[in-house]
Structures are given as structure tokens and as C-alpha cells.
Amino acid sequence: AFTWRAQTVVPSNTLPSHASMLTGYQPARHGITWDDYLPA
């Protein structure tokens, strides 16, 4: 199965997108809206 029309989240940066992919939630819910390793 495949699609070429999948859409990413906003912001469409690597870290928020992967957090959504691996939690199943939008950035507003999983909390990762930045795109660098910023543990603080």
C-alpha cells in the first residue's frame, strides 16, 4: 500500500514531524514545535 499525497504537520520540520509520526499526535499535543535538540 502507498500514497504520494500524504501531508506533514505544521511546522513541517524534521523534529516536530517525527514526533508526530512516532506518537500519532499533532505538535500542539506532543509538545515538540522546535527543530533542534533542546532538552531544556
All heavy atoms as atom14 arrays in JSON, in Angstrom:
{
  "sequence": "AFTWRAQTVVPSNTLPSHASMLTGYQPARHGITWDDYLPA",
  "atom14_mask": [
    [1, 1, 1, 1, 1, 0, 0, 0, 0, 0, 0, 0, 0, 0],
    [1, 1, 1, 1, 1, 1, 1, 1, 1, 1, 1, 0, 0, 0],
    [1, 1, 1, 1, 1, 1, 1, 0, 0, 0, 0, 0, 0, 0],
    [1, 1, 1, 1, 1, 1, 1, 1, 1, 1, 1, 1, 1, 1],
    [1, 1, 1, 1, 1, 1, 1, 1, 1, 1, 1, 0, 0, 0],
    [1, 1, 1, 1, 1, 0, 0, 0, 0, 0, 0, 0, 0, 0],
    [1, 1, 1, 1, 1, 1, 1, 1, 1, 0, 0, 0, 0, 0],
    [1, 1, 1, 1, 1, 1, 1, 0, 0, 0, 0, 0, 0, 0],
    [1, 1, 1, 1, 1, 1, 1, 0, 0, 0, 0, 0, 0, 0],
    [1, 1, 1, 1, 1, 1, 1, 0, 0, 0, 0, 0, 0, 0],
    [1, 1, 1, 1, 1, 1, 1, 0, 0, 0, 0, 0, 0, 0],
    [1, 1, 1, 1, 1, 1, 0, 0, 0, 0, 0, 0, 0, 0],
    [1, 1, 1, 1, 1, 1, 1, 1, 0, 0, 0, 0, 0, 0],
    [1, 1, 1, 1, 1, 1, 1, 0, 0, 0, 0, 0, 0, 0],
    [1, 1, 1, 1, 1, 1, 1, 1, 0, 0, 0, 0, 0, 0],
    [1, 1, 1, 1, 1, 1, 1, 0, 0, 0, 0, 0, 0, 0],
    [1, 1, 1, 1, 1, 1, 0, 0, 0, 0, 0, 0, 0, 0],
    [1, 1, 1, 1, 1, 1, 1, 1, 1, 1, 0, 0, 0, 0],
    [1, 1, 1, 1, 1, 0, 0, 0, 0, 0, 0, 0, 0, 0],
    [1, 1, 1, 1, 1, 1, 0, 0, 0, 0, 0, 0, 0, 0],
    [1, 1, 1, 1, 1, 1, 1, 1, 0, 0, 0, 0, 0, 0],
    [1, 1, 1, 1, 1, 1, 1, 1, 0, 0, 0, 0, 0, 0],
    [1, 1, 1, 1, 1, 1, 1, 0, 0, 0, 0, 0, 0, 0],
    [1, 1, 1, 1, 0, 0, 0, 0, 0, 0, 0, 0, 0, 0],
    [1, 1, 1, 1, 1, 1, 1, 1, 1, 1, 1, 1, 0, 0],
    [1, 1, 1, 1, 1, 1, 1, 1, 1, 0, 0, 0, 0, 0],
    [1, 1, 1, 1, 1, 1, 1, 0, 0, 0, 0, 0, 0, 0],
    [1, 1, 1, 1, 1, 0, 0, 0, 0, 0, 0, 0, 0, 0],
    [1, 1, 1, 1, 1, 1, 1, 1, 1, 1, 1, 0, 0, 0],
    [1, 1, 1, 1, 1, 1, 1, 1, 1, 1, 0, 0, 0, 0],
    [1, 1, 1, 1, 0, 0, 0, 0, 0, 0, 0, 0, 0, 0],
    [1, 1, 1, 1, 1, 1, 1, 1, 0, 0, 0, 0, 0, 0],
    [1, 1, 1, 1, 1, 1, 1, 0, 0, 0, 0, 0, 0, 0],
    [1, 1, 1, 1, 1, 1, 1, 1, 1, 1, 1, 1, 1, 1],
    [1, 1, 1, 1, 1, 1, 1, 1, 0, 0, 0, 0, 0, 0],
    [1, 1, 1, 1, 1, 1, 1, 1, 0, 0, 0, 0, 0, 0],
    [1, 1, 1, 1, 1, 1, 1, 1, 1, 1, 1, 1, 0, 0],
    [1, 1, 1, 1, 1, 1, 1, 1, 0, 0, 0, 0, 0, 0],
    [1, 1, 1, 1, 1, 1, 1, 0, 0, 0, 0, 0, 0, 0],
    [1, 1, 1, 1, 1, 0, 0, 0, 0, 0, 0, 0, 0, 0]
  ],
  "atom14_positions": [
    [[0.85, -1.2, 0.0], [0.0, 0.0, 0.0], [0.88, 1.24, 0.0], [1.94, 1.26, 0.63], [-0.9, -0.01, 1.23], [0.0, 0.0, 0.0], [0.0, 0.0, 0.0], [0.0, 0.0, 0.0], [0.0, 0.0, 0.0], [0.0, 0.0, 0.0], [0.0, 0.0, 0.0], [0.0, 0.0, 0.0], [0.0, 0.0, 0.0], [0.0, 0.0, 0.0]],
    [[0.45, 2.29, -0.69], [1.23, 3.52, -0.73], [0.36, 4.7, -1.11], [-0.76, 4.54, -1.61], [2.39, 3.4, -1.73], [1.95, 3.43, -3.17], [1.98, 4.62, -3.89], [1.5, 2.28, -3.8], [1.57, 4.64, -5.22], [1.09, 2.3, -5.12], [1.13, 3.48, -5.83], [0.0, 0.0, 0.0], [0.0, 0.0, 0.0], [0.0, 0.0, 0.0]],
    [[0.87, 5.9, -0.85], [0.28, 7.14, -1.34], [1.4, 8.11, -1.64], [2.44, 8.09, -0.99], [-0.71, 7.77, -0.33], [-1.28, 8.95, -0.94], [-0.04, 8.15, 0.97], [0.0, 0.0, 0.0], [0.0, 0.0, 0.0], [0.0, 0.0, 0.0], [0.0, 0.0, 0.0], [0.0, 0.0, 0.0], [0.0, 0.0, 0.0], [0.0, 0.0, 0.0]],
    [[1.18, 8.93, -2.63], [2.11, 10.02, -2.95], [1.54, 11.35, -2.47], [2.09, 12.39, -2.75], [2.39, 10.09, -4.45], [2.99, 8.85, -5.02], [2.44, 8.06, -6.0], [4.22, 8.22, -4.66], [3.27, 7.0, -6.27], [4.38, 7.07, -5.45], [5.22, 8.52, -3.74], [5.47, 6.22, -5.36], [6.32, 7.68, -3.63], [6.44, 6.55, -4.44]],
    [[0.41, 11.33, -1.77], [-0.27, 12.56, -1.38], [-0.34, 12.78, 0.12], [-1.12, 13.59, 0.6], [-1.68, 12.56, -1.95], [-1.68, 12.61, -3.46], [-3.07, 12.54, -4.0], [-3.02, 12.65, -5.43], [-3.65, 13.57, -6.12], [-4.4, 14.44, -5.5], [-3.55, 13.62, -7.43], [0.0, 0.0, 0.0], [0.0, 0.0, 0.0], [0.0, 0.0, 0.0]],
    [[0.46, 12.07, 0.88], [0.48, 12.27, 2.33], [0.93, 13.7, 2.63], [1.69, 14.3, 1.88], [1.42, 11.27, 2.98], [0.0, 0.0, 0.0], [0.0, 0.0, 0.0], [0.0, 0.0, 0.0], [0.0, 0.0, 0.0], [0.0, 0.0, 0.0], [0.0, 0.0, 0.0], [0.0, 0.0, 0.0], [0.0, 0.0, 0.0], [0.0, 0.0, 0.0]],
    [[0.43, 14.23, 3.73], [0.82, 15.57, 4.14], [1.45, 15.52, 5.52], [1.11, 14.67, 6.33], [-0.39, 16.5, 4.14], [-0.93, 16.72, 2.75], [-2.0, 17.78, 2.73], [-2.47, 18.23, 3.75], [-2.39, 18.18, 1.54], [0.0, 0.0, 0.0], [0.0, 0.0, 0.0], [0.0, 0.0, 0.0], [0.0, 0.0, 0.0], [0.0, 0.0, 0.0]],
    [[2.34, 16.45, 5.75], [3.03, 16.51, 7.02], [2.3, 17.47, 7.96], [1.26, 18.02, 7.63], [4.5, 16.9, 6.82], [5.21, 16.71, 8.03], [4.64, 18.33, 6.35], [0.0, 0.0, 0.0], [0.0, 0.0, 0.0], [0.0, 0.0, 0.0], [0.0, 0.0, 0.0], [0.0, 0.0, 0.0], [0.0, 0.0, 0.0], [0.0, 0.0, 0.0]],
    [[2.88, 17.68, 9.12], [2.31, 18.56, 10.13], [2.88, 19.96, 9.97], [3.82, 20.18, 9.21], [2.61, 18.03, 11.54], [1.97, 16.66, 11.76], [4.1, 17.98, 11.82], [0.0, 0.0, 0.0], [0.0, 0.0, 0.0], [0.0, 0.0, 0.0], [0.0, 0.0, 0.0], [0.0, 0.0, 0.0], [0.0, 0.0, 0.0], [0.0, 0.0, 0.0]],
    [[2.31, 20.9, 10.73], [2.84, 22.25, 10.8], [3.3, 22.47, 12.23], [2.51, 22.24, 13.14], [1.77, 23.28, 10.41], [2.28, 24.71, 10.6], [1.31, 23.06, 8.98], [0.0, 0.0, 0.0], [0.0, 0.0, 0.0], [0.0, 0.0, 0.0], [0.0, 0.0, 0.0], [0.0, 0.0, 0.0], [0.0, 0.0, 0.0], [0.0, 0.0, 0.0]],
    [[4.54, 22.83, 12.46], [5.58, 23.14, 11.48], [6.13, 21.87, 10.83], [6.25, 20.84, 11.48], [6.66, 23.83, 12.32], [6.49, 23.28, 13.69], [5.03, 22.99, 13.84], [0.0, 0.0, 0.0], [0.0, 0.0, 0.0], [0.0, 0.0, 0.0], [0.0, 0.0, 0.0], [0.0, 0.0, 0.0], [0.0, 0.0, 0.0], [0.0, 0.0, 0.0]],
    [[6.44, 21.99, 9.56], [6.88, 20.82, 8.78], [8.39, 20.66, 8.83], [9.04, 20.53, 7.81], [6.4, 20.93, 7.34], [6.98, 22.05, 6.72], [0.0, 0.0, 0.0], [0.0, 0.0, 0.0], [0.0, 0.0, 0.0], [0.0, 0.0, 0.0], [0.0, 0.0, 0.0], [0.0, 0.0, 0.0], [0.0, 0.0, 0.0], [0.0, 0.0, 0.0]],
    [[8.91, 20.67, 10.03], [10.34, 20.47, 10.24], [10.59, 19.05, 10.73], [9.67, 18.36, 11.2], [10.88, 21.48, 11.25], [10.77, 22.9, 10.73], [11.01, 23.16, 9.56], [10.4, 23.82, 11.6], [0.0, 0.0, 0.0], [0.0, 0.0, 0.0], [0.0, 0.0, 0.0], [0.0, 0.0, 0.0], [0.0, 0.0, 0.0], [0.0, 0.0, 0.0]],
    [[11.84, 18.63, 10.68], [12.19, 17.25, 10.97], [11.74, 16.77, 12.35], [11.09, 15.74, 12.48], [13.71, 17.06, 10.8], [14.04, 17.31, 9.43], [14.15, 15.64, 11.17], [0.0, 0.0, 0.0], [0.0, 0.0, 0.0], [0.0, 0.0, 0.0], [0.0, 0.0, 0.0], [0.0, 0.0, 0.0], [0.0, 0.0, 0.0], [0.0, 0.0, 0.0]],
    [[12.09, 17.5, 13.4], [11.79, 17.01, 14.74], [10.29, 16.99, 15.05], [9.77, 15.96, 15.5], [12.58, 17.79, 15.79], [12.5, 17.24, 17.22], [12.96, 15.78, 17.28], [13.32, 18.11, 18.16], [0.0, 0.0, 0.0], [0.0, 0.0, 0.0], [0.0, 0.0, 0.0], [0.0, 0.0, 0.0], [0.0, 0.0, 0.0], [0.0, 0.0, 0.0]],
    [[9.55, 18.09, 14.8], [8.11, 18.0, 15.06], [7.41, 16.95, 14.2], [6.5, 16.25, 14.67], [7.59, 19.4, 14.71], [8.77, 20.29, 14.68], [9.96, 19.43, 14.41], [0.0, 0.0, 0.0], [0.0, 0.0, 0.0], [0.0, 0.0, 0.0], [0.0, 0.0, 0.0], [0.0, 0.0, 0.0], [0.0, 0.0, 0.0], [0.0, 0.0, 0.0]],
    [[7.85, 16.81, 12.96], [7.24, 15.82, 12.06], [7.47, 14.4, 12.57], [6.54, 13.57, 12.59], [7.81, 15.95, 10.65], [7.5, 17.2, 10.09], [0.0, 0.0, 0.0], [0.0, 0.0, 0.0], [0.0, 0.0, 0.0], [0.0, 0.0, 0.0], [0.0, 0.0, 0.0], [0.0, 0.0, 0.0], [0.0, 0.0, 0.0], [0.0, 0.0, 0.0]],
    [[8.68, 14.11, 13.0], [8.96, 12.76, 13.51], [8.27, 12.52, 14.86], [7.84, 11.4, 15.13], [10.47, 12.52, 13.6], [11.07, 12.2, 12.28], [11.57, 13.16, 11.44], [11.22, 11.01, 11.64], [12.03, 12.59, 10.34], [11.82, 11.28, 10.43], [0.0, 0.0, 0.0], [0.0, 0.0, 0.0], [0.0, 0.0, 0.0], [0.0, 0.0, 0.0]],
    [[8.17, 13.55, 15.68], [7.44, 13.38, 16.93], [5.98, 13.04, 16.65], [5.39, 12.18, 17.32], [7.56, 14.64, 17.79], [0.0, 0.0, 0.0], [0.0, 0.0, 0.0], [0.0, 0.0, 0.0], [0.0, 0.0, 0.0], [0.0, 0.0, 0.0], [0.0, 0.0, 0.0], [0.0, 0.0, 0.0], [0.0, 0.0, 0.0], [0.0, 0.0, 0.0]],
    [[5.39, 13.67, 15.65], [4.01, 13.34, 15.26], [3.93, 11.93, 14.71], [3.02, 11.16, 15.05], [3.48, 14.34, 14.23], [3.29, 15.6, 14.83], [0.0, 0.0, 0.0], [0.0, 0.0, 0.0], [0.0, 0.0, 0.0], [0.0, 0.0, 0.0], [0.0, 0.0, 0.0], [0.0, 0.0, 0.0], [0.0, 0.0, 0.0], [0.0, 0.0, 0.0]],
    [[4.87, 11.58, 13.86], [4.9, 10.25, 13.25], [5.0, 9.16, 14.31], [4.36, 8.1, 14.18], [6.1, 10.22, 12.29], [6.47, 8.95, 11.67], [8.03, 9.07, 10.71], [7.94, 10.59, 9.81], [0.0, 0.0, 0.0], [0.0, 0.0, 0.0], [0.0, 0.0, 0.0], [0.0, 0.0, 0.0], [0.0, 0.0, 0.0], [0.0, 0.0, 0.0]],
    [[5.76, 9.4, 15.36], [6.05, 8.36, 16.33], [5.15, 8.41, 17.57], [5.23, 7.51, 18.42], [7.52, 8.4, 16.72], [8.45, 8.08, 15.54], [9.9, 8.37, 15.87], [8.28, 6.63, 15.08], [0.0, 0.0, 0.0], [0.0, 0.0, 0.0], [0.0, 0.0, 0.0], [0.0, 0.0, 0.0], [0.0, 0.0, 0.0], [0.0, 0.0, 0.0]],
    [[4.31, 9.44, 17.68], [3.3, 9.48, 18.75], [1.89, 9.35, 18.21], [1.0, 8.91, 18.92], [3.36, 10.8, 19.56], [3.0, 11.9, 18.71], [4.72, 11.01, 20.2], [0.0, 0.0, 0.0], [0.0, 0.0, 0.0], [0.0, 0.0, 0.0], [0.0, 0.0, 0.0], [0.0, 0.0, 0.0], [0.0, 0.0, 0.0], [0.0, 0.0, 0.0]],
    [[1.68, 9.79, 16.96], [0.34, 9.8, 16.39], [-0.42, 11.08, 16.69], [-1.62, 11.17, 16.43], [0.0, 0.0, 0.0], [0.0, 0.0, 0.0], [0.0, 0.0, 0.0], [0.0, 0.0, 0.0], [0.0, 0.0, 0.0], [0.0, 0.0, 0.0], [0.0, 0.0, 0.0], [0.0, 0.0, 0.0], [0.0, 0.0, 0.0], [0.0, 0.0, 0.0]],
    [[0.27, 12.09, 17.21], [-0.38, 13.34, 17.59], [0.24, 14.53, 16.88], [1.41, 14.51, 16.51], [-0.29, 13.56, 19.1], [-1.09, 12.57, 19.9], [-0.46, 11.54, 20.59], [-2.48, 12.65, 19.94], [-1.19, 10.62, 21.31], [-3.22, 11.73, 20.66], [-2.58, 10.72, 21.35], [-3.3, 9.81, 22.06], [0.0, 0.0, 0.0], [0.0, 0.0, 0.0]],
    [[-0.54, 15.61, 16.78], [-0.06, 16.87, 16.21], [0.92, 17.53, 17.19], [0.89, 17.26, 18.4], [-1.25, 17.81, 15.96], [-2.2, 17.33, 14.87], [-1.59, 17.46, 13.5], [-0.83, 18.38, 13.2], [-1.93, 16.52, 12.62], [0.0, 0.0, 0.0], [0.0, 0.0, 0.0], [0.0, 0.0, 0.0], [0.0, 0.0, 0.0], [0.0, 0.0, 0.0]],
    [[1.76, 18.45, 16.71], [2.73, 19.12, 17.58], [2.1, 19.83, 18.78], [2.68, 19.82, 19.87], [3.42, 20.12, 16.64], [3.36, 19.45, 15.3], [2.01, 18.76, 15.28], [0.0, 0.0, 0.0], [0.0, 0.0, 0.0], [0.0, 0.0, 0.0], [0.0, 0.0, 0.0], [0.0, 0.0, 0.0], [0.0, 0.0, 0.0], [0.0, 0.0, 0.0]],
    [[0.93, 20.4, 18.62], [0.29, 21.09, 19.75], [0.05, 20.15, 20.92], [0.06, 20.56, 22.08], [-1.02, 21.73, 19.31], [0.0, 0.0, 0.0], [0.0, 0.0, 0.0], [0.0, 0.0, 0.0], [0.0, 0.0, 0.0], [0.0, 0.0, 0.0], [0.0, 0.0, 0.0], [0.0, 0.0, 0.0], [0.0, 0.0, 0.0], [0.0, 0.0, 0.0]],
    [[-0.12, 18.87, 20.62], [-0.37, 17.91, 21.69], [0.91, 17.24, 22.19], [1.08, 17.08, 23.4], [-1.36, 16.85, 21.22], [-1.65, 15.84, 22.31], [-2.98, 15.24, 22.22], [-3.12, 14.18, 23.21], [-4.13, 13.38, 23.27], [-5.12, 13.49, 22.42], [-4.18, 12.45, 24.2], [0.0, 0.0, 0.0], [0.0, 0.0, 0.0], [0.0, 0.0, 0.0]],
    [[1.82, 16.84, 21.29], [3.03, 16.17, 21.78], [4.07, 17.16, 22.31], [4.99, 16.78, 23.02], [3.64, 15.21, 20.76], [4.09, 15.83, 19.48], [5.07, 16.79, 19.38], [3.7, 15.57, 18.2], [5.27, 17.11, 18.11], [4.45, 16.4, 17.38], [0.0, 0.0, 0.0], [0.0, 0.0, 0.0], [0.0, 0.0, 0.0], [0.0, 0.0, 0.0]],
    [[3.92, 18.44, 21.97], [4.74, 19.48, 22.58], [6.03, 19.84, 21.88], [6.71, 20.77, 22.3], [0.0, 0.0, 0.0], [0.0, 0.0, 0.0], [0.0, 0.0, 0.0], [0.0, 0.0, 0.0], [0.0, 0.0, 0.0], [0.0, 0.0, 0.0], [0.0, 0.0, 0.0], [0.0, 0.0, 0.0], [0.0, 0.0, 0.0], [0.0, 0.0, 0.0]],
    [[6.4, 19.14, 20.81], [7.66, 19.44, 20.13], [7.37, 20.32, 18.92], [6.84, 19.87, 17.91], [8.37, 18.14, 19.67], [8.61, 17.2, 20.85], [9.68, 18.47, 18.95], [9.52, 17.73, 21.93], [0.0, 0.0, 0.0], [0.0, 0.0, 0.0], [0.0, 0.0, 0.0], [0.0, 0.0, 0.0], [0.0, 0.0, 0.0], [0.0, 0.0, 0.0]],
    [[7.68, 21.62, 19.05], [7.45, 22.57, 17.95], [8.76, 23.17, 17.45], [8.76, 23.95, 16.52], [6.51, 23.71, 18.41], [7.08, 24.32, 19.57], [5.12, 23.17, 18.73], [0.0, 0.0, 0.0], [0.0, 0.0, 0.0], [0.0, 0.0, 0.0], [0.0, 0.0, 0.0], [0.0, 0.0, 0.0], [0.0, 0.0, 0.0], [0.0, 0.0, 0.0]],
    [[9.88, 22.8, 18.05], [11.2, 23.29, 17.66], [11.91, 22.2, 16.85], [11.45, 21.07, 16.8], [12.02, 23.69, 18.89], [12.14, 22.6, 19.91], [13.13, 21.66, 20.0], [11.23, 22.31, 20.97], [12.9, 20.81, 21.05], [11.73, 21.19, 21.66], [10.03, 22.87, 21.41], [11.09, 20.63, 22.76], [9.39, 22.32, 22.5], [9.93, 21.21, 23.18]],
    [[13.04, 22.55, 16.24], [13.68, 21.62, 15.32], [15.16, 21.38, 15.64], [15.94, 21.08, 14.75], [13.53, 22.11, 13.88], [13.83, 21.03, 12.86], [13.52, 19.85, 13.13], [14.41, 21.35, 11.8], [0.0, 0.0, 0.0], [0.0, 0.0, 0.0], [0.0, 0.0, 0.0], [0.0, 0.0, 0.0], [0.0, 0.0, 0.0], [0.0, 0.0, 0.0]],
    [[15.52, 21.5, 16.89], [16.88, 21.19, 17.32], [16.8, 20.38, 18.61], [15.74, 20.33, 19.24], [17.68, 22.48, 17.59], [18.01, 23.21, 16.3], [18.65, 22.59, 15.43], [17.64, 24.4, 16.16], [0.0, 0.0, 0.0], [0.0, 0.0, 0.0], [0.0, 0.0, 0.0], [0.0, 0.0, 0.0], [0.0, 0.0, 0.0], [0.0, 0.0, 0.0]],
    [[17.9, 19.79, 18.99], [17.95, 19.08, 20.27], [18.06, 20.12, 21.37], [19.12, 20.71, 21.58], [19.11, 18.1, 20.3], [19.23, 17.36, 21.61], [18.14, 16.68, 22.14], [20.42, 17.36, 22.32], [18.25, 16.0, 23.34], [20.53, 16.68, 23.52], [19.44, 16.01, 24.03], [19.52, 15.34, 25.23], [0.0, 0.0, 0.0], [0.0, 0.0, 0.0]],
    [[16.95, 20.4, 22.04], [16.88, 21.41, 23.09], [16.2, 20.81, 24.32], [15.04, 21.09, 24.61], [16.08, 22.63, 22.59], [16.62, 23.34, 21.35], [15.64, 24.38, 20.84], [17.98, 23.96, 21.66], [0.0, 0.0, 0.0], [0.0, 0.0, 0.0], [0.0, 0.0, 0.0], [0.0, 0.0, 0.0], [0.0, 0.0, 0.0], [0.0, 0.0, 0.0]],
    [[16.91, 19.97, 25.07], [16.29, 19.29, 26.2], [15.73, 20.24, 27.26], [14.77, 19.91, 27.95], [17.4, 18.42, 26.77], [18.67, 18.93, 26.19], [18.32, 19.61, 24.91], [0.0, 0.0, 0.0], [0.0, 0.0, 0.0], [0.0, 0.0, 0.0], [0.0, 0.0, 0.0], [0.0, 0.0, 0.0], [0.0, 0.0, 0.0], [0.0, 0.0, 0.0]],
    [[16.27, 21.46, 27.35], [15.77, 22.42, 28.33], [14.35, 22.88, 28.0], [13.63, 23.36, 28.88], [16.71, 23.62, 28.4], [0.0, 0.0, 0.0], [0.0, 0.0, 0.0], [0.0, 0.0, 0.0], [0.0, 0.0, 0.0], [0.0, 0.0, 0.0], [0.0, 0.0, 0.0], [0.0, 0.0, 0.0], [0.0, 0.0, 0.0], [0.0, 0.0, 0.0]]
  ]
}
